[in-house]
Amino acid sequence: MKNVNSINELIKRFEEIVLEESNLIRNGSIVALKHVATGKYLSSIKNLCYTTG
């Protein structure tokens, strides 16, 4: 991410992005997060499997 010089600034930018995008995630939406270091996924649905490629 460009123009981020501190952890506080990074957190502020993250919060801004989440606020902007929060209207896209509604009750019942399927959400998956990918852990950068391990490449594993955390999903809002049980038994949802992803293959990396």
N, C-alpha and C. Protein backbone atom coordinates (compact mmCIF):
# COMPACT_ATOMS: atom_id res chain seq x y z
N MET A 1 0.85 -1.16 0.00
CA MET A 1 0.00 0.00 0.00
C MET A 1 0.90 1.23 0.00
N LYS A 2 0.64 2.14 -0.89
CA LYS A 2 1.47 3.34 -1.02
C LYS A 2 1.05 4.41 -0.03
N ASN A 3 2.00 5.25 0.31
CA ASN A 3 1.77 6.43 1.16
C ASN A 3 1.28 6.10 2.56
N VAL A 4 1.69 4.96 3.10
CA VAL A 4 1.36 4.62 4.48
C VAL A 4 2.67 4.60 5.25
N ASN A 5 2.79 5.49 6.23
CA ASN A 5 4.05 5.66 6.93
C ASN A 5 4.03 5.20 8.38
N SER A 6 2.88 4.74 8.88
CA SER A 6 2.81 4.30 10.26
C SER A 6 1.69 3.27 10.42
N ILE A 7 1.75 2.54 11.53
CA ILE A 7 0.71 1.56 11.83
C ILE A 7 -0.63 2.26 12.01
N ASN A 8 -0.64 3.41 12.66
CA ASN A 8 -1.89 4.15 12.86
C ASN A 8 -2.52 4.55 11.53
N GLU A 9 -1.69 4.98 10.60
CA GLU A 9 -2.19 5.36 9.28
C GLU A 9 -2.72 4.14 8.53
N LEU A 10 -2.05 3.00 8.68
CA LEU A 10 -2.50 1.76 8.06
C LEU A 10 -3.86 1.35 8.61
N ILE A 11 -4.02 1.43 9.92
CA ILE A 11 -5.29 1.07 10.55
C ILE A 11 -6.39 2.01 10.08
N LYS A 12 -6.09 3.30 10.00
CA LYS A 12 -7.08 4.27 9.53
C LYS A 12 -7.51 3.96 8.10
N ARG A 13 -6.56 3.65 7.22
CA ARG A 13 -6.89 3.31 5.83
C ARG A 13 -7.73 2.05 5.77
N PHE A 14 -7.38 1.04 6.59
CA PHE A 14 -8.14 -0.21 6.64
C PHE A 14 -9.58 0.07 7.07
N GLU A 15 -9.76 0.88 8.11
CA GLU A 15 -11.10 1.20 8.59
C GLU A 15 -11.91 1.93 7.52
N GLU A 16 -11.27 2.81 6.77
CA GLU A 16 -11.96 3.53 5.69
C GLU A 16 -12.43 2.56 4.61
N ILE A 17 -11.58 1.62 4.26
CA ILE A 17 -11.93 0.63 3.23
C ILE A 17 -13.08 -0.24 3.71
N VAL A 18 -13.01 -0.71 4.96
CA VAL A 18 -14.07 -1.55 5.51
C VAL A 18 -15.39 -0.78 5.53
N LEU A 19 -15.35 0.48 5.93
CA LEU A 19 -16.57 1.29 5.97
C LEU A 19 -17.17 1.45 4.58
N GLU A 20 -16.32 1.69 3.58
CA GLU A 20 -16.80 1.85 2.21
C GLU A 20 -17.42 0.56 1.68
N GLU A 21 -16.82 -0.56 2.01
CA GLU A 21 -17.25 -1.84 1.46
C GLU A 21 -18.30 -2.54 2.32
N SER A 22 -18.57 -2.04 3.53
CA SER A 22 -19.47 -2.74 4.44
C SER A 22 -20.89 -2.85 3.90
N ASN A 23 -21.28 -1.94 3.03
CA ASN A 23 -22.63 -2.03 2.48
C ASN A 23 -22.77 -3.17 1.48
N LEU A 24 -21.67 -3.78 1.09
CA LEU A 24 -21.72 -4.90 0.15
C LEU A 24 -21.96 -6.23 0.84
N ILE A 25 -21.63 -6.32 2.13
CA ILE A 25 -21.81 -7.55 2.88
C ILE A 25 -23.09 -7.43 3.70
N ARG A 26 -24.02 -8.30 3.41
CA ARG A 26 -25.33 -8.29 4.08
C ARG A 26 -25.51 -9.61 4.84
N ASN A 27 -26.54 -9.66 5.66
CA ASN A 27 -26.87 -10.89 6.36
C ASN A 27 -27.15 -11.97 5.33
N GLY A 28 -26.47 -13.09 5.46
CA GLY A 28 -26.63 -14.19 4.52
C GLY A 28 -25.57 -14.22 3.43
N SER A 29 -24.72 -13.20 3.37
CA SER A 29 -23.65 -13.18 2.37
C SER A 29 -22.61 -14.24 2.70
N ILE A 30 -21.98 -14.77 1.68
CA ILE A 30 -20.88 -15.71 1.85
C ILE A 30 -19.59 -14.89 1.86
N VAL A 31 -18.80 -15.06 2.93
CA VAL A 31 -17.58 -14.29 3.09
C VAL A 31 -16.42 -15.25 3.31
N ALA A 32 -15.30 -15.00 2.64
CA ALA A 32 -14.10 -15.79 2.85
C ALA A 32 -12.91 -14.85 2.97
N LEU A 33 -12.06 -15.13 3.96
CA LEU A 33 -10.84 -14.36 4.16
C LEU A 33 -9.65 -15.28 3.94
N LYS A 34 -8.62 -14.78 3.26
CA LYS A 34 -7.43 -15.58 3.02
C LYS A 34 -6.30 -15.08 3.91
N HIS A 35 -5.70 -16.00 4.68
CA HIS A 35 -4.56 -15.68 5.52
C HIS A 35 -3.33 -15.59 4.63
N VAL A 36 -2.70 -14.44 4.61
CA VAL A 36 -1.61 -14.18 3.68
C VAL A 36 -0.43 -15.11 3.90
N ALA A 37 -0.02 -15.32 5.14
CA ALA A 37 1.18 -16.11 5.42
C ALA A 37 1.00 -17.59 5.10
N THR A 38 -0.19 -18.16 5.40
CA THR A 38 -0.39 -19.60 5.21
C THR A 38 -1.13 -19.94 3.93
N GLY A 39 -1.88 -18.96 3.38
CA GLY A 39 -2.67 -19.22 2.19
C GLY A 39 -3.97 -19.95 2.48
N LYS A 40 -4.28 -20.15 3.77
CA LYS A 40 -5.52 -20.84 4.15
C LYS A 40 -6.68 -19.86 4.19
N TYR A 41 -7.90 -20.39 4.04
CA TYR A 41 -9.10 -19.57 4.01
C TYR A 41 -9.93 -19.76 5.26
N LEU A 42 -10.60 -18.69 5.69
CA LEU A 42 -11.59 -18.73 6.75
C LEU A 42 -12.89 -18.29 6.09
N SER A 43 -13.92 -19.13 6.19
CA SER A 43 -15.16 -18.87 5.47
C SER A 43 -16.34 -18.79 6.41
N SER A 44 -17.40 -18.12 5.96
CA SER A 44 -18.63 -18.01 6.74
C SER A 44 -19.54 -19.21 6.53
N ILE A 45 -19.14 -20.16 5.69
CA ILE A 45 -19.95 -21.35 5.42
C ILE A 45 -19.16 -22.59 5.83
N LYS A 46 -19.80 -23.49 6.54
CA LYS A 46 -19.15 -24.74 6.92
C LYS A 46 -18.90 -25.59 5.67
N ASN A 47 -17.81 -26.31 5.68
CA ASN A 47 -17.44 -27.26 4.63
C ASN A 47 -17.27 -26.62 3.26
N LEU A 48 -16.98 -25.34 3.20
CA LEU A 48 -16.67 -24.68 1.93
C LEU A 48 -15.18 -24.82 1.71
N CYS A 49 -14.79 -25.53 0.67
CA CYS A 49 -13.38 -25.83 0.42
C CYS A 49 -12.88 -25.06 -0.80
N TYR A 50 -11.69 -24.51 -0.68
CA TYR A 50 -11.04 -23.79 -1.77
C TYR A 50 -9.78 -24.54 -2.16
N THR A 51 -9.46 -24.49 -3.43
CA THR A 51 -8.17 -24.99 -3.88
C THR A 51 -7.38 -23.81 -4.39
N THR A 52 -6.12 -23.77 -4.03
CA THR A 52 -5.29 -22.66 -4.49
C THR A 52 -4.72 -23.00 -5.84
N GLY A 53 -4.42 -22.00 -6.62
CA GLY A 53 -3.90 -22.29 -7.94
C GLY A 53 -3.32 -21.15 -8.65
